[in-house]
Amino acid sequence: MAKKTGSAPSQKLDQYIIRFPDGMRDWLKAEAEKSGRSMNAEIVYRMELTRGVDLEIDEMKRSRRDAGPVDHIDQELVALRNDIGAIKALLLKRLADGDK
């Protein structure tokens, strides 16, 4: 439903009609007032924030793919947990036996 109307420069920008769930318009209006932005500017600001987060997540996913498989890391963590468990058991046994 994008449409372009009017003669003012801002009127020639893409427009999109959006339906808000109950209460969201009032919340958004209050947030816009708190930040000193118009409702339109608040919506665009929040969309840009979300877009930035999405881009960062995409970059993290790309980095993870480029790093290769991480199965070996999981295996190392399991081995370390087992080692820690064995050390803990040994320490508890020594404490129970009275060795310090």
C-alpha atoms as a PDB file:
ATOM      1  CA  MET A   1       0.000   0.000   0.000  1.00  0.00           C
ATOM      2  CA  ALA A   2       2.857   2.412  -0.581  1.00  0.00           C
ATOM      3  CA  LYS A   3       1.648   5.642  -2.104  1.00  0.00           C
ATOM      4  CA  LYS A   4       3.009   9.086  -2.962  1.00  0.00           C
ATOM      5  CA  THR A   5       0.787  12.122  -2.593  1.00  0.00           C
ATOM      6  CA  GLY A   6       0.916  15.902  -2.108  1.00  0.00           C
ATOM      7  CA  SER A   7       3.371  18.537  -3.282  1.00  0.00           C
ATOM      8  CA  ALA A   8       5.575  19.130  -0.189  1.00  0.00           C
ATOM      9  CA  PRO A   9       8.948  17.316  -0.322  1.00  0.00           C
ATOM     10  CA  SER A  10       8.020  15.146   2.667  1.00  0.00           C
ATOM     11  CA  GLN A  11       4.745  14.276   0.973  1.00  0.00           C
ATOM     12  CA  LYS A  12       6.662  12.766  -1.951  1.00  0.00           C
ATOM     13  CA  LEU A  13       8.427  10.197   0.244  1.00  0.00           C
ATOM     14  CA  ASP A  14       7.158   6.635   0.423  1.00  0.00           C
ATOM     15  CA  GLN A  15       4.193   6.283   2.729  1.00  0.00           C
ATOM     16  CA  TYR A  16       2.799   3.143   4.278  1.00  0.00           C
ATOM     17  CA  ILE A  17      -0.372   2.767   6.309  1.00  0.00           C
ATOM     18  CA  ILE A  18       0.148   0.620   9.385  1.00  0.00           C
ATOM     19  CA  ARG A  19      -2.390  -0.809  11.804  1.00  0.00           C
ATOM     20  CA  PHE A  20      -1.219  -0.866  15.416  1.00  0.00           C
ATOM     21  CA  PRO A  21      -2.394  -3.399  17.986  1.00  0.00           C
ATOM     22  CA  ASP A  22      -4.488  -1.953  20.811  1.00  0.00           C
ATOM     23  CA  GLY A  23      -2.459   0.366  23.004  1.00  0.00           C
ATOM     24  CA  MET A  24       0.619   0.512  20.797  1.00  0.00           C
ATOM     25  CA  ARG A  25      -0.194   3.887  19.250  1.00  0.00           C
ATOM     26  CA  ASP A  26      -0.571   5.479  22.684  1.00  0.00           C
ATOM     27  CA  TRP A  27       2.652   3.863  23.881  1.00  0.00           C
ATOM     28  CA  LEU A  28       4.497   4.988  20.756  1.00  0.00           C
ATOM     29  CA  LYS A  29       3.156   8.518  21.097  1.00  0.00           C
ATOM     30  CA  ALA A  30       4.354   8.675  24.715  1.00  0.00           C
ATOM     31  CA  GLU A  31       7.795   7.345  23.714  1.00  0.00           C
ATOM     32  CA  ALA A  32       8.017   9.921  20.916  1.00  0.00           C
ATOM     33  CA  GLU A  33       7.140  12.722  23.324  1.00  0.00           C
ATOM     34  CA  LYS A  34       9.748  11.512  25.840  1.00  0.00           C
ATOM     35  CA  SER A  35      12.442  11.495  23.166  1.00  0.00           C
ATOM     36  CA  GLY A  36      11.347  14.776  21.572  1.00  0.00           C
ATOM     37  CA  ARG A  37      10.569  13.138  18.233  1.00  0.00           C
ATOM     38  CA  SER A  38       7.468  13.071  16.104  1.00  0.00           C
ATOM     39  CA  MET A  39       5.660   9.741  15.947  1.00  0.00           C
ATOM     40  CA  ASN A  40       6.965   9.246  12.421  1.00  0.00           C
ATOM     41  CA  ALA A  41      10.539   9.987  13.517  1.00  0.00           C
ATOM     42  CA  GLU A  42      10.134   7.611  16.481  1.00  0.00           C
ATOM     43  CA  ILE A  43       8.914   4.811  14.217  1.00  0.00           C
ATOM     44  CA  VAL A  44      11.784   5.360  11.762  1.00  0.00           C
ATOM     45  CA  TYR A  45      14.300   5.578  14.655  1.00  0.00           C
ATOM     46  CA  ARG A  46      13.100   2.278  16.125  1.00  0.00           C
ATOM     47  CA  MET A  47      13.104   0.585  12.722  1.00  0.00           C
ATOM     48  CA  GLU A  48      16.677   1.758  12.142  1.00  0.00           C
ATOM     49  CA  LEU A  49      17.702   0.366  15.541  1.00  0.00           C
ATOM     50  CA  THR A  50      16.126  -2.973  14.691  1.00  0.00           C
ATOM     51  CA  ARG A  51      17.800  -2.966  11.286  1.00  0.00           C
ATOM     52  CA  GLY A  52      21.156  -2.312  12.954  1.00  0.00           C
ATOM     53  CA  VAL A  53      20.645  -5.236  15.315  1.00  0.00           C
ATOM     54  CA  ASP A  54      19.654  -7.474  12.397  1.00  0.00           C
ATOM     55  CA  LEU A  55      22.816  -6.477  10.514  1.00  0.00           C
ATOM     56  CA  GLU A  56      24.969  -7.246  13.571  1.00  0.00           C
ATOM     57  CA  ILE A  57      23.307 -10.643  13.993  1.00  0.00           C
ATOM     58  CA  ASP A  58      23.890 -11.415  10.316  1.00  0.00           C
ATOM     59  CA  GLU A  59      27.561 -10.464  10.696  1.00  0.00           C
ATOM     60  CA  MET A  60      27.902 -12.693  13.767  1.00  0.00           C
ATOM     61  CA  LYS A  61      26.366 -15.589  11.842  1.00  0.00           C
ATOM     62  CA  ARG A  62      28.759 -14.996   8.932  1.00  0.00           C
ATOM     63  CA  SER A  63      31.728 -14.877  11.305  1.00  0.00           C
ATOM     64  CA  ARG A  64      30.630 -18.092  12.954  1.00  0.00           C
ATOM     65  CA  ARG A  65      30.253 -19.818   9.565  1.00  0.00           C
ATOM     66  CA  ASP A  66      33.680 -18.575   8.495  1.00  0.00           C
ATOM     67  CA  ALA A  67      35.225 -19.932  11.708  1.00  0.00           C
ATOM     68  CA  GLY A  68      34.270 -23.454  10.669  1.00  0.00           C
ATOM     69  CA  PRO A  69      32.667 -26.208  12.708  1.00  0.00           C
ATOM     70  CA  VAL A  70      32.642 -25.835  16.469  1.00  0.00           C
ATOM     71  CA  ASP A  71      32.076 -29.502  17.308  1.00  0.00           C
ATOM     72  CA  HIS A  72      35.634 -29.785  18.591  1.00  0.00           C
ATOM     73  CA  ILE A  73      34.964 -26.956  21.046  1.00  0.00           C
ATOM     74  CA  ASP A  74      31.940 -28.799  22.422  1.00  0.00           C
ATOM     75  CA  GLN A  75      34.049 -31.926  22.818  1.00  0.00           C
ATOM     76  CA  GLU A  76      36.754 -29.961  24.641  1.00  0.00           C
ATOM     77  CA  LEU A  77      34.161 -28.468  26.989  1.00  0.00           C
ATOM     78  CA  VAL A  78      32.818 -31.920  27.831  1.00  0.00           C
ATOM     79  CA  ALA A  79      36.355 -33.140  28.529  1.00  0.00           C
ATOM     80  CA  LEU A  80      37.056 -30.117  30.752  1.00  0.00           C
ATOM     81  CA  ARG A  81      33.829 -30.660  32.669  1.00  0.00           C
ATOM     82  CA  ASN A  82      34.815 -34.289  33.223  1.00  0.00           C
ATOM     83  CA  ASP A  83      38.267 -33.227  34.437  1.00  0.00           C
ATOM     84  CA  ILE A  84      36.754 -30.692  36.814  1.00  0.00           C
ATOM     85  CA  GLY A  85      34.366 -33.343  38.119  1.00  0.00           C
ATOM     86  CA  ALA A  86      37.244 -35.747  38.727  1.00  0.00           C
ATOM     87  CA  ILE A  87      39.295 -33.073  40.520  1.00  0.00           C
ATOM     88  CA  LYS A  88      36.286 -32.133  42.642  1.00  0.00           C
ATOM     89  CA  ALA A  89      35.705 -35.782  43.574  1.00  0.00           C
ATOM     90  CA  LEU A  90      39.388 -36.190  44.500  1.00  0.00           C
ATOM     91  CA  LEU A  91      39.335 -33.050  46.671  1.00  0.00           C
ATOM     92  CA  LEU A  92      36.142 -34.130  48.403  1.00  0.00           C
ATOM     93  CA  LYS A  93      37.647 -37.570  49.080  1.00  0.00           C
ATOM     94  CA  ARG A  94      40.806 -36.011  50.526  1.00  0.00           C
ATOM     95  CA  LEU A  95      38.739 -33.710  52.722  1.00  0.00           C
ATOM     96  CA  ALA A  96      36.673 -36.644  53.913  1.00  0.00           C
ATOM     97  CA  ASP A  97      39.869 -38.634  54.641  1.00  0.00           C
ATOM     98  CA  GLY A  98      41.311 -35.721  56.599  1.00  0.00           C
ATOM     99  CA  ASP A  99      44.111 -34.849  54.117  1.00  0.00           C
ATOM    100  CA  LYS A 100      44.536 -31.195  53.390  1.00  0.00           C
END
